[in-house]
Amino acid sequence: MRGRGGWYGGRPRIEGSMSALDSVQVKNLARGCAFDLAGITTAEPPDEAGYFAEWLAEGYAGEMGYLYGRRAELRADVRTLLPSARSVICLGLLYNTPPPYSTRWSAEDRGWISRYAWGTDYHEVMRARMEELVRRLRALATFEWKICVDTSPVLERAFAQRAGLGWIGRNTCLINQQIGSWIFLGEILTSLELEPDSPAPFRCGVCRACIDACPTQALVPTGKDEGPDYALDSRLCISYWTIELRGPIPEQRREQMGPHVFGCDICQDVCPWNRRAPVTAEPAFVPRAATPPLEALASITEEEFREMFRSSPVRRARYSGFLRNVLVAMGNSGDAKFVPALETLSQRDDPVVREHALWALQRIRLPQAVAS
């Protein structure tokens, strides 16, 4: 659930006629720009373009309106973004860090932020490296190109799989046999004719650890004989609720969120391919905010929120949405020490914040009343 809106793509650059540059050179230059994974595929639409249309038709995108309409059409063929595109250079950057996984962690007075948001916004890191790669490629060839970093309407996992970077697991994440699934993806669409890599084979076997571990059962069977056998129903996903959903979180789902205040990593935390995942050496991904104190988060102003998460993906949730998530985590903690903060927030003008503060108060007080 890292597909977003769109300003990182930029406009296609026109550099004249093509000249010789082979795939091996491109991948070597990519590794020289500190990418952990690099592969090449054609610009032809992937099979997943059809699956994506079916996924939308099932309503699995929830209220993420930006995935529908014109952007859905653009997603079907990258040549709508760069008409001269012949190849797609797919790039991966490891972001795994040493602190524990959510499934091995417990602290009632702290919230959990998804691992991908612990450090600097990856869009900035990826784009800077991709721009450097383009500069190095331009020294050897002339071509047209477009940089895409998550925010562009590109089926990036499908292209990455076809470029040999990994396979799309049952948790719907791209998994690499050597480094696991903690990978940021980016693509360079180019008019260069490059030799494509072979697609990565599916290696999940009969494993269903992610399916069984999901507390909301958001990974649903497709019933297909061909194509993906599981899909993500965003409407049941903790990441969707805490990042994408605007307004109230469905009351019957709040308990399932546990301590999550931004995103969820459970389906990756339990993946066997992540057991020996290496740790990134990238300083930008050093954790700044992994398990922050809930009480401190509940007291921040909107200005403090913006400053605290100025260079972090967490700002995606917006101030009101983030407070909403913190309040749910407080209620799920059952800790009476949060009552004063909750009472204060229950007086807010924001109806979403007020509703979730009252819900958390009731959740904490009800067991106490029964006990007495």
Protein backbone atom coordinates (compact mmCIF):
# COMPACT_ATOMS: atom_id res chain seq x y z
CA MET A 1 0.00 0.00 0.00
CA ARG A 2 2.68 2.44 -1.04
CA GLY A 3 1.03 3.71 -4.28
CA ARG A 4 0.52 7.49 -3.92
CA GLY A 5 -0.51 10.67 -5.78
CA GLY A 6 2.02 12.15 -8.19
CA TRP A 7 4.64 14.83 -8.39
CA TYR A 8 7.90 12.90 -8.38
CA GLY A 9 7.60 11.63 -11.94
CA GLY A 10 8.44 14.87 -13.75
CA ARG A 11 8.22 15.53 -17.47
CA PRO A 12 9.92 13.45 -20.15
CA ARG A 13 13.29 14.79 -21.19
CA ILE A 14 14.13 14.79 -24.90
CA GLU A 15 17.78 14.23 -25.66
CA GLY A 16 17.80 13.41 -29.36
CA SER A 17 18.60 10.14 -31.07
CA MET A 18 19.58 6.93 -29.31
CA SER A 19 23.12 5.61 -29.15
CA ALA A 20 24.67 2.32 -28.02
CA LEU A 21 24.37 1.31 -24.38
CA ASP A 22 23.90 -2.26 -23.22
CA SER A 23 22.00 -3.75 -20.28
CA VAL A 24 25.11 -4.85 -18.40
CA GLN A 25 26.46 -1.29 -18.41
CA VAL A 26 23.13 0.06 -17.20
CA LYS A 27 22.95 -2.36 -14.27
CA ASN A 28 26.57 -1.78 -13.32
CA LEU A 29 25.98 1.96 -13.31
CA ALA A 30 22.88 1.44 -11.17
CA ARG A 31 24.90 -0.49 -8.60
CA GLY A 32 27.46 2.30 -8.73
CA CYS A 33 24.66 4.64 -7.65
CA ALA A 34 24.16 2.42 -4.57
CA PHE A 35 21.02 0.60 -5.68
CA ASP A 36 20.72 -2.87 -4.17
CA LEU A 37 18.73 -4.27 -7.09
CA ALA A 38 18.66 -3.43 -10.80
CA GLY A 39 16.94 -5.15 -13.70
CA ILE A 40 15.51 -4.36 -17.11
CA THR A 41 12.28 -5.24 -18.86
CA THR A 42 10.37 -4.04 -21.89
CA ALA A 43 7.83 -1.24 -21.82
CA GLU A 44 5.07 -3.60 -22.95
CA PRO A 45 2.08 -3.70 -20.56
CA PRO A 46 2.44 -6.47 -17.96
CA ASP A 47 -0.24 -9.12 -17.43
CA GLU A 48 -0.97 -7.47 -14.09
CA ALA A 49 -2.61 -4.56 -15.93
CA GLY A 50 -5.63 -6.80 -16.41
CA TYR A 51 -5.55 -8.00 -12.80
CA PHE A 52 -5.40 -4.39 -11.63
CA ALA A 53 -8.59 -3.53 -13.52
CA GLU A 54 -10.30 -6.52 -11.89
CA TRP A 55 -8.98 -5.47 -8.47
CA LEU A 56 -10.52 -2.03 -8.91
CA ALA A 57 -13.80 -3.53 -10.11
CA GLU A 58 -14.00 -5.63 -6.93
CA GLY A 59 -13.86 -2.42 -4.88
CA TYR A 60 -10.60 -3.47 -3.20
CA ALA A 61 -9.15 0.05 -3.54
CA GLY A 62 -11.66 1.38 -1.02
CA GLU A 63 -11.83 5.18 -1.08
CA MET A 64 -8.50 5.67 -2.86
CA GLY A 65 -10.11 7.59 -5.70
CA TYR A 66 -6.77 8.50 -7.26
CA LEU A 67 -6.40 4.89 -8.42
CA TYR A 68 -9.48 5.10 -10.62
CA GLY A 69 -10.34 6.96 -13.82
CA ARG A 70 -7.61 8.48 -15.94
CA ARG A 71 -4.81 7.33 -13.65
CA ALA A 72 -6.05 3.76 -13.93
CA GLU A 73 -5.85 4.07 -17.72
CA LEU A 74 -2.33 5.47 -17.49
CA ARG A 75 -1.31 2.57 -15.25
CA ALA A 76 -2.22 0.08 -17.96
CA ASP A 77 0.60 1.20 -20.29
CA VAL A 78 3.69 3.22 -19.33
CA ARG A 79 3.93 4.48 -22.90
CA THR A 80 1.12 6.86 -22.07
CA LEU A 81 3.68 8.53 -19.77
CA LEU A 82 6.55 8.36 -22.26
CA PRO A 83 5.40 7.49 -25.80
CA SER A 84 8.94 6.65 -26.92
CA ALA A 85 9.51 4.18 -24.06
CA ARG A 86 11.08 0.90 -25.15
CA SER A 87 12.60 -0.29 -21.89
CA VAL A 88 12.01 0.06 -18.16
CA ILE A 89 15.00 0.15 -15.81
CA CYS A 90 13.72 -1.23 -12.49
CA LEU A 91 15.59 -0.33 -9.32
CA GLY A 92 15.38 -1.48 -5.71
CA LEU A 93 16.75 -0.07 -2.47
CA LEU A 94 16.84 -2.04 0.79
CA TYR A 95 15.37 -0.32 3.85
CA ASN A 96 15.49 -3.04 6.52
CA THR A 97 16.84 -1.74 9.85
CA PRO A 98 17.99 -3.44 13.09
CA PRO A 99 15.11 -2.70 15.52
CA PRO A 100 12.58 -5.53 16.15
CA TYR A 101 9.61 -6.46 14.00
CA SER A 102 6.12 -5.57 15.24
CA THR A 103 5.35 -9.24 15.84
CA ARG A 104 8.21 -9.41 18.38
CA TRP A 105 7.50 -6.12 20.12
CA SER A 106 5.14 -5.01 22.86
CA ALA A 107 4.84 -1.69 24.71
CA GLU A 108 1.37 -0.55 25.75
CA ASP A 109 2.31 3.11 26.04
CA ARG A 110 3.88 3.37 22.57
CA GLY A 111 2.59 3.37 19.02
CA TRP A 112 3.93 1.46 16.03
CA ILE A 113 4.98 3.23 12.84
CA SER A 114 5.57 1.16 9.71
CA ARG A 115 9.23 0.43 9.04
CA TYR A 116 9.26 2.22 5.69
CA ALA A 117 8.51 5.51 7.47
CA TRP A 118 11.17 5.33 10.20
CA GLY A 119 13.70 7.50 8.39
CA THR A 120 13.81 10.15 5.67
CA ASP A 121 11.10 10.06 3.01
CA TYR A 122 12.28 7.42 0.56
CA HIS A 123 10.92 9.38 -2.41
CA GLU A 124 13.67 11.94 -1.87
CA VAL A 125 16.42 9.32 -1.51
CA MET A 126 15.31 7.26 -4.50
CA ARG A 127 14.81 10.21 -6.80
CA ALA A 128 18.25 11.69 -6.04
CA ARG A 129 19.94 8.39 -6.90
CA MET A 130 17.86 7.89 -10.02
CA GLU A 131 18.74 11.36 -11.25
CA GLU A 132 22.42 10.54 -10.71
CA LEU A 133 21.98 7.31 -12.68
CA VAL A 134 20.38 9.21 -15.56
CA ARG A 135 23.32 11.66 -15.56
CA ARG A 136 25.76 8.76 -15.82
CA LEU A 137 23.75 7.13 -18.59
CA ARG A 138 23.57 10.39 -20.51
CA ALA A 139 27.35 10.51 -20.56
CA LEU A 140 27.23 7.34 -22.68
CA ALA A 141 24.05 7.70 -24.73
CA THR A 142 21.31 10.09 -25.79
CA PHE A 143 17.71 9.12 -25.10
CA GLU A 144 14.35 10.19 -23.72
CA TRP A 145 13.43 9.27 -20.19
CA LYS A 146 11.04 9.67 -17.28
CA ILE A 147 11.74 8.95 -13.62
CA CYS A 148 8.96 7.27 -11.63
CA VAL A 149 9.15 6.90 -7.84
CA ASP A 150 6.00 5.28 -6.42
CA THR A 151 3.84 8.34 -7.07
CA SER A 152 3.60 7.86 -10.85
CA PRO A 153 0.83 5.61 -12.23
CA VAL A 154 3.09 2.61 -12.87
CA LEU A 155 2.51 -1.04 -11.87
CA GLU A 156 5.96 -1.06 -10.37
CA ARG A 157 5.86 -4.46 -8.66
CA ALA A 158 4.74 -6.08 -11.91
CA PHE A 159 7.59 -4.49 -13.85
CA ALA A 160 10.07 -5.33 -11.09
CA GLN A 161 8.99 -8.98 -11.17
CA ARG A 162 9.35 -9.11 -14.93
CA ALA A 163 12.78 -7.46 -14.66
CA GLY A 164 13.95 -10.22 -12.31
CA LEU A 165 14.09 -8.19 -9.08
CA GLY A 166 11.82 -10.61 -7.25
CA TRP A 167 8.36 -12.15 -7.28
CA ILE A 168 5.06 -10.78 -6.02
CA GLY A 169 4.27 -12.77 -2.88
CA ARG A 170 0.92 -13.68 -1.41
CA ASN A 171 1.26 -10.62 0.81
CA THR A 172 1.27 -8.63 -2.48
CA CYS A 173 4.80 -7.32 -1.75
CA LEU A 174 7.79 -7.83 -4.04
CA ILE A 175 10.10 -10.43 -2.47
CA ASN A 176 13.73 -10.91 -3.44
CA GLN A 177 15.35 -14.25 -2.67
CA GLN A 178 18.51 -12.67 -1.25
CA ILE A 179 17.26 -9.56 0.57
CA GLY A 180 13.59 -10.19 1.34
CA SER A 181 10.76 -7.71 0.86
CA TRP A 182 11.95 -4.55 2.62
CA ILE A 183 12.54 -2.86 -0.74
CA PHE A 184 11.72 0.56 -2.15
CA LEU A 185 11.08 0.49 -5.89
CA GLY A 186 11.61 3.00 -8.67
CA GLU A 187 11.58 2.94 -12.47
CA ILE A 188 13.25 4.82 -15.28
CA LEU A 189 11.24 4.69 -18.47
CA THR A 190 13.59 5.08 -21.42
CA SER A 191 13.61 5.12 -25.20
CA LEU A 192 16.74 2.95 -25.13
CA GLU A 193 16.43 -0.54 -26.61
CA LEU A 194 17.91 -2.72 -23.85
CA GLU A 195 18.13 -6.48 -23.45
CA PRO A 196 15.47 -7.49 -20.90
CA ASP A 197 16.17 -9.73 -17.92
CA SER A 198 14.27 -12.93 -17.22
CA PRO A 199 11.26 -12.73 -14.87
CA ALA A 200 11.74 -13.95 -11.32
CA PRO A 201 9.95 -17.23 -10.52
CA PHE A 202 7.28 -17.43 -7.81
CA ARG A 203 8.88 -18.87 -4.67
CA CYS A 204 6.19 -18.68 -1.99
CA GLY A 205 5.40 -22.37 -2.51
CA VAL A 206 2.58 -23.44 -0.21
CA CYS A 207 3.50 -20.92 2.51
CA ARG A 208 0.61 -18.85 3.88
CA ALA A 209 2.29 -17.27 6.91
CA CYS A 210 1.23 -13.77 5.85
CA ILE A 211 -2.37 -14.81 5.26
CA ASP A 212 -2.68 -16.50 8.63
CA ALA A 213 -0.96 -13.67 10.52
CA CYS A 214 -3.05 -10.80 9.16
CA PRO A 215 -5.31 -9.74 12.06
CA THR A 216 -7.96 -8.35 9.73
CA GLN A 217 -7.86 -11.07 7.04
CA ALA A 218 -7.14 -8.44 4.41
CA LEU A 219 -5.44 -10.94 2.08
CA VAL A 220 -8.36 -12.52 0.27
CA PRO A 221 -8.43 -15.47 -2.18
CA THR A 222 -9.09 -14.56 -5.81
CA GLY A 223 -10.38 -17.98 -6.82
CA LYS A 224 -8.27 -17.80 -10.00
CA ASP A 225 -6.66 -20.82 -11.62
CA GLU A 226 -4.20 -18.48 -13.36
CA GLY A 227 -2.65 -15.28 -12.07
CA PRO A 228 -2.44 -14.23 -8.41
CA ASP A 229 -4.22 -16.50 -5.95
CA TYR A 230 -4.53 -13.78 -3.29
CA ALA A 231 -5.28 -10.07 -3.40
CA LEU A 232 -5.24 -7.26 -0.88
CA ASP A 233 -8.64 -5.91 0.08
CA SER A 234 -7.62 -2.42 1.18
CA ARG A 235 -10.91 -1.94 3.01
CA LEU A 236 -9.70 -4.54 5.54
CA CYS A 237 -6.09 -3.34 5.77
CA ILE A 238 -4.59 -1.54 8.77
CA SER A 239 -2.25 0.40 6.47
CA TYR A 240 -5.23 1.68 4.51
CA TRP A 241 -7.11 2.71 7.64
CA THR A 242 -4.15 4.54 9.18
CA ILE A 243 -2.76 6.19 6.04
CA GLU A 244 -5.31 6.49 3.24
CA LEU A 245 -8.72 6.55 4.88
CA ARG A 246 -10.11 10.00 5.62
CA GLY A 247 -12.71 10.41 8.34
CA PRO A 248 -13.65 7.86 11.02
CA ILE A 249 -12.20 4.37 11.15
CA PRO A 250 -15.04 1.81 11.21
CA GLU A 251 -15.79 1.22 14.89
CA GLN A 252 -15.92 -2.54 14.52
CA ARG A 253 -12.35 -2.48 13.12
CA ARG A 254 -10.61 -0.27 15.70
CA GLU A 255 -9.72 -3.01 18.13
CA GLN A 256 -7.90 -4.88 15.34
CA MET A 257 -5.52 -1.95 14.84
CA GLY A 258 -3.71 -2.61 18.10
CA PRO A 259 -0.86 -0.09 18.56
CA HIS A 260 -0.54 0.85 14.87
CA VAL A 261 -0.53 4.61 14.34
CA PHE A 262 0.85 4.63 10.78
CA GLY A 263 0.89 1.63 8.52
CA CYS A 264 1.34 -2.06 9.31
CA ASP A 265 4.19 -4.52 8.70
CA ILE A 266 2.73 -7.79 9.98
CA CYS A 267 2.52 -9.57 6.61
CA GLN A 268 6.20 -8.78 6.01
CA ASP A 269 7.30 -9.37 9.61
CA VAL A 270 6.22 -13.01 9.43
CA CYS A 271 7.53 -13.71 5.92
CA PRO A 272 10.21 -16.46 6.02
CA TRP A 273 12.18 -14.67 3.30
CA ASN A 274 12.77 -11.78 5.73
CA ARG A 275 14.32 -13.91 8.47
CA ARG A 276 17.82 -13.33 7.13
CA ALA A 277 17.19 -10.01 5.42
CA PRO A 278 20.34 -7.87 5.47
CA VAL A 279 20.33 -4.46 7.15
CA THR A 280 20.60 -1.30 5.09
CA ALA A 281 23.70 0.87 5.33
CA GLU A 282 21.79 3.94 4.12
CA PRO A 283 22.04 6.71 6.78
CA ALA A 284 18.77 8.27 5.59
CA PHE A 285 16.86 5.21 6.77
CA VAL A 286 18.26 5.21 10.31
CA PRO A 287 15.14 5.12 12.54
CA ARG A 288 14.01 8.49 13.87
CA ALA A 289 10.46 7.53 14.82
CA ALA A 290 9.67 3.85 15.15
CA THR A 291 7.76 3.41 18.41
CA PRO A 292 6.98 6.90 19.75
CA PRO A 293 5.22 7.43 23.13
CA LEU A 294 1.48 7.74 22.61
CA GLU A 295 1.06 10.38 25.31
CA ALA A 296 3.60 12.64 23.60
CA LEU A 297 1.95 12.16 20.22
CA ALA A 298 -1.49 13.01 21.59
CA SER A 299 -0.27 16.40 22.80
CA ILE A 300 1.40 17.71 19.62
CA THR A 301 -0.05 20.66 17.76
CA GLU A 302 -0.58 20.70 14.01
CA GLU A 303 2.56 22.82 13.59
CA GLU A 304 4.55 20.35 15.71
CA PHE A 305 3.21 17.46 13.64
CA ARG A 306 4.41 19.12 10.45
CA GLU A 307 7.83 19.79 11.92
CA MET A 308 8.21 16.36 13.53
CA PHE A 309 7.39 14.55 10.28
CA ARG A 310 8.64 17.20 7.86
CA SER A 311 10.76 14.72 5.84
CA SER A 312 8.76 11.60 6.64
CA PRO A 313 6.03 9.64 4.83
CA VAL A 314 3.98 9.96 8.06
CA ARG A 315 2.77 13.37 6.94
CA ARG A 316 0.64 11.47 4.41
CA ALA A 317 -1.86 10.69 7.20
CA ARG A 318 -2.35 14.41 7.91
CA TYR A 319 -2.63 15.82 11.40
CA SER A 320 -6.27 14.92 12.09
CA GLY A 321 -5.85 11.39 10.73
CA PHE A 322 -2.69 10.81 12.71
CA LEU A 323 -4.33 11.98 15.96
CA ARG A 324 -7.26 9.68 15.18
CA ASN A 325 -4.84 6.74 14.90
CA VAL A 326 -3.07 7.67 18.14
CA LEU A 327 -6.40 7.78 19.97
CA VAL A 328 -7.33 4.30 18.74
CA ALA A 329 -3.95 2.97 19.91
CA MET A 330 -4.53 4.60 23.31
CA GLY A 331 -7.93 2.97 23.60
CA ASN A 332 -6.51 -0.41 22.62
CA SER A 333 -3.80 -0.10 25.26
CA GLY A 334 -6.38 -0.09 28.07
CA ASP A 335 -4.01 2.10 30.09
CA ALA A 336 -5.82 4.46 32.48
CA LYS A 337 -2.92 6.91 32.47
CA PHE A 338 -4.16 8.12 29.08
CA VAL A 339 -7.54 9.26 30.47
CA PRO A 340 -6.54 12.93 31.09
CA ALA A 341 -5.18 13.31 27.55
CA LEU A 342 -8.23 11.60 26.11
CA GLU A 343 -10.58 13.85 28.05
CA THR A 344 -8.80 16.90 26.67
CA LEU A 345 -8.97 15.63 23.10
CA SER A 346 -12.64 14.69 23.50
CA GLN A 347 -13.31 18.44 23.68
CA ARG A 348 -11.74 19.18 20.30
CA ASP A 349 -13.77 20.87 17.56
CA ASP A 350 -12.61 18.28 15.03
CA PRO A 351 -15.48 15.72 14.99
CA VAL A 352 -13.21 12.83 13.96
CA VAL A 353 -10.73 13.48 16.78
CA ARG A 354 -13.57 13.96 19.27
CA GLU A 355 -15.33 10.74 18.24
CA HIS A 356 -12.20 8.61 18.55
CA ALA A 357 -11.23 10.17 21.88
CA LEU A 358 -14.65 9.32 23.31
CA TRP A 359 -14.38 5.79 21.93
CA ALA A 360 -10.96 5.35 23.57
CA LEU A 361 -12.26 6.68 26.90
CA GLN A 362 -15.13 4.23 26.86
CA ARG A 363 -12.82 1.36 25.97
CA ILE A 364 -10.52 2.15 28.91
CA ARG A 365 -13.25 2.92 31.46
CA LEU A 366 -15.60 0.04 30.71
CA PRO A 367 -13.28 -2.74 31.97
CA GLN A 368 -12.54 -0.65 35.05
CA ALA A 369 -16.25 -0.21 35.76
CA VAL A 370 -16.87 -3.95 35.36
CA ALA A 371 -13.93 -4.74 37.68
CA SER A 372 -15.22 -2.44 40.41
